[in-house]
Amino acid sequence: MRKSLAVPLMEGYSVFFYLFLVLLWFLERAGCC
């Protein structure tokens, strides 16, 4: 894999992971789970 592709890919994963954590936090705040 090229480094030029690896950098945006890692940034995309970090953003996705951050949104996932926000979603979990929102569910806990809502008292769903």
PDB file of N, CA and C in Angstrom:
ATOM      1  N   MET A   1       0.840  -1.206   0.000  1.00  0.00           N
ATOM      2  CA  MET A   1       0.000   0.000   0.000  1.00  0.00           C
ATOM      3  C   MET A   1       0.873   1.255   0.000  1.00  0.00           C
ATOM      4  N   ARG A   2       0.453   2.224  -0.784  1.00  0.00           N
ATOM      5  CA  ARG A   2       1.216   3.474  -0.848  1.00  0.00           C
ATOM      6  C   ARG A   2       0.973   4.309   0.400  1.00  0.00           C
ATOM      7  N   LYS A   3       1.994   5.060   0.797  1.00  0.00           N
ATOM      8  CA  LYS A   3       1.843   5.924   1.974  1.00  0.00           C
ATOM      9  C   LYS A   3       0.838   7.040   1.702  1.00  0.00           C
ATOM     10  N   SER A   4       0.749   7.462   0.440  1.00  0.00           N
ATOM     11  CA  SER A   4      -0.177   8.532   0.092  1.00  0.00           C
ATOM     12  C   SER A   4      -1.623   8.089   0.308  1.00  0.00           C
ATOM     13  N   LEU A   5      -1.866   6.769   0.216  1.00  0.00           N
ATOM     14  CA  LEU A   5      -3.202   6.246   0.450  1.00  0.00           C
ATOM     15  C   LEU A   5      -3.389   5.854   1.906  1.00  0.00           C
ATOM     16  N   ALA A   6      -2.299   5.486   2.560  1.00  0.00           N
ATOM     17  CA  ALA A   6      -2.373   5.019   3.945  1.00  0.00           C
ATOM     18  C   ALA A   6      -2.729   6.164   4.892  1.00  0.00           C
ATOM     19  N   VAL A   7      -2.214   7.363   4.625  1.00  0.00           N
ATOM     20  CA  VAL A   7      -2.471   8.499   5.522  1.00  0.00           C
ATOM     21  C   VAL A   7      -3.953   8.886   5.533  1.00  0.00           C
ATOM     22  N   PRO A   8      -4.595   9.134   4.382  1.00  0.00           N
ATOM     23  CA  PRO A   8      -6.029   9.469   4.404  1.00  0.00           C
ATOM     24  C   PRO A   8      -6.867   8.323   4.962  1.00  0.00           C
ATOM     25  N   LEU A   9      -6.436   7.089   4.745  1.00  0.00           N
ATOM     26  CA  LEU A   9      -7.177   5.935   5.237  1.00  0.00           C
ATOM     27  C   LEU A   9      -7.170   5.908   6.763  1.00  0.00           C
ATOM     28  N   MET A  10      -6.008   6.168   7.355  1.00  0.00           N
ATOM     29  CA  MET A  10      -5.911   6.193   8.813  1.00  0.00           C
ATOM     30  C   MET A  10      -6.730   7.344   9.385  1.00  0.00           C
ATOM     31  N   GLU A  11      -6.729   8.489   8.711  1.00  0.00           N
ATOM     32  CA  GLU A  11      -7.520   9.630   9.171  1.00  0.00           C
ATOM     33  C   GLU A  11      -9.002   9.298   9.098  1.00  0.00           C
ATOM     34  N   GLY A  12      -9.395   8.591   8.045  1.00  0.00           N
ATOM     35  CA  GLY A  12     -10.792   8.190   7.901  1.00  0.00           C
ATOM     36  C   GLY A  12     -11.206   7.254   9.026  1.00  0.00           C
ATOM     37  N   TYR A  13     -10.305   6.325   9.401  1.00  0.00           N
ATOM     38  CA  TYR A  13     -10.619   5.395  10.485  1.00  0.00           C
ATOM     39  C   TYR A  13     -10.739   6.132  11.809  1.00  0.00           C
ATOM     40  N   SER A  14      -9.871   7.112  12.044  1.00  0.00           N
ATOM     41  CA  SER A  14      -9.906   7.855  13.305  1.00  0.00           C
ATOM     42  C   SER A  14     -11.209   8.647  13.408  1.00  0.00           C
ATOM     43  N   VAL A  15     -11.657   9.237  12.300  1.00  0.00           N
ATOM     44  CA  VAL A  15     -12.909   9.996  12.300  1.00  0.00           C
ATOM     45  C   VAL A  15     -14.087   9.066  12.544  1.00  0.00           C
ATOM     46  N   PHE A  16     -14.066   7.894  11.895  1.00  0.00           N
ATOM     47  CA  PHE A  16     -15.143   6.917  12.069  1.00  0.00           C
ATOM     48  C   PHE A  16     -15.200   6.428  13.508  1.00  0.00           C
ATOM     49  N   PHE A  17     -14.027   6.173  14.087  1.00  0.00           N
ATOM     50  CA  PHE A  17     -13.955   5.703  15.473  1.00  0.00           C
ATOM     51  C   PHE A  17     -14.459   6.783  16.431  1.00  0.00           C
ATOM     52  N   TYR A  18     -14.125   8.039  16.148  1.00  0.00           N
ATOM     53  CA  TYR A  18     -14.580   9.155  16.987  1.00  0.00           C
ATOM     54  C   TYR A  18     -16.103   9.271  16.936  1.00  0.00           C
ATOM     55  N   LEU A  19     -16.682   9.148  15.752  1.00  0.00           N
ATOM     56  CA  LEU A  19     -18.136   9.213  15.616  1.00  0.00           C
ATOM     57  C   LEU A  19     -18.795   8.049  16.338  1.00  0.00           C
ATOM     58  N   PHE A  20     -18.136   6.882  16.325  1.00  0.00           N
ATOM     59  CA  PHE A  20     -18.668   5.709  17.016  1.00  0.00           C
ATOM     60  C   PHE A  20     -18.699   5.943  18.526  1.00  0.00           C
ATOM     61  N   LEU A  21     -17.637   6.559  19.065  1.00  0.00           N
ATOM     62  CA  LEU A  21     -17.598   6.858  20.500  1.00  0.00           C
ATOM     63  C   LEU A  21     -18.679   7.869  20.875  1.00  0.00           C
ATOM     64  N   VAL A  22     -18.891   8.867  20.013  1.00  0.00           N
ATOM     65  CA  VAL A  22     -19.937   9.864  20.263  1.00  0.00           C
ATOM     66  C   VAL A  22     -21.308   9.191  20.267  1.00  0.00           C
ATOM     67  N   LEU A  23     -21.504   8.229  19.364  1.00  0.00           N
ATOM     68  CA  LEU A  23     -22.775   7.517  19.296  1.00  0.00           C
ATOM     69  C   LEU A  23     -23.010   6.725  20.580  1.00  0.00           C
ATOM     70  N   LEU A  24     -21.964   6.043  21.070  1.00  0.00           N
ATOM     71  CA  LEU A  24     -22.096   5.292  22.324  1.00  0.00           C
ATOM     72  C   LEU A  24     -22.404   6.226  23.484  1.00  0.00           C
ATOM     73  N   TRP A  25     -21.736   7.378  23.524  1.00  0.00           N
ATOM     74  CA  TRP A  25     -21.977   8.357  24.585  1.00  0.00           C
ATOM     75  C   TRP A  25     -23.414   8.863  24.531  1.00  0.00           C
ATOM     76  N   PHE A  26     -23.922   9.101  23.325  1.00  0.00           N
ATOM     77  CA  PHE A  26     -25.292   9.591  23.173  1.00  0.00           C
ATOM     78  C   PHE A  26     -26.294   8.542  23.645  1.00  0.00           C
ATOM     79  N   LEU A  27     -26.043   7.272  23.353  1.00  0.00           N
ATOM     80  CA  LEU A  27     -26.939   6.204  23.791  1.00  0.00           C
ATOM     81  C   LEU A  27     -26.959   6.099  25.310  1.00  0.00           C
ATOM     82  N   GLU A  28     -25.803   6.270  25.931  1.00  0.00           N
ATOM     83  CA  GLU A  28     -25.740   6.204  27.392  1.00  0.00           C
ATOM     84  C   GLU A  28     -26.475   7.397  28.005  1.00  0.00           C
ATOM     85  N   ARG A  29     -26.350   8.563  27.398  1.00  0.00           N
ATOM     86  CA  ARG A  29     -27.027   9.762  27.897  1.00  0.00           C
ATOM     87  C   ARG A  29     -28.543   9.605  27.758  1.00  0.00           C
ATOM     88  N   ALA A  30     -28.966   8.968  26.675  1.00  0.00           N
ATOM     89  CA  ALA A  30     -30.394   8.784  26.432  1.00  0.00           C
ATOM     90  C   ALA A  30     -30.972   7.685  27.342  1.00  0.00           C
ATOM     91  N   GLY A  31     -30.097   6.830  27.882  1.00  0.00           N
ATOM     92  CA  GLY A  31     -30.563   5.755  28.757  1.00  0.00           C
ATOM     93  C   GLY A  31     -31.162   4.611  27.971  1.00  0.00           C
ATOM     94  N   CYS A  32     -30.766   4.488  26.706  1.00  0.00           N
ATOM     95  CA  CYS A  32     -31.299   3.413  25.867  1.00  0.00           C
ATOM     96  C   CYS A  32     -30.785   2.061  26.332  1.00  0.00           C
ATOM     97  N   CYS A  33     -29.479   1.986  26.555  1.00  0.00           N
ATOM     98  CA  CYS A  33     -28.866   0.701  26.948  1.00  0.00           C
ATOM     99  C   CYS A  33     -28.691   0.647  28.461  1.00  0.00           C
TER     100      CYS A  33
END
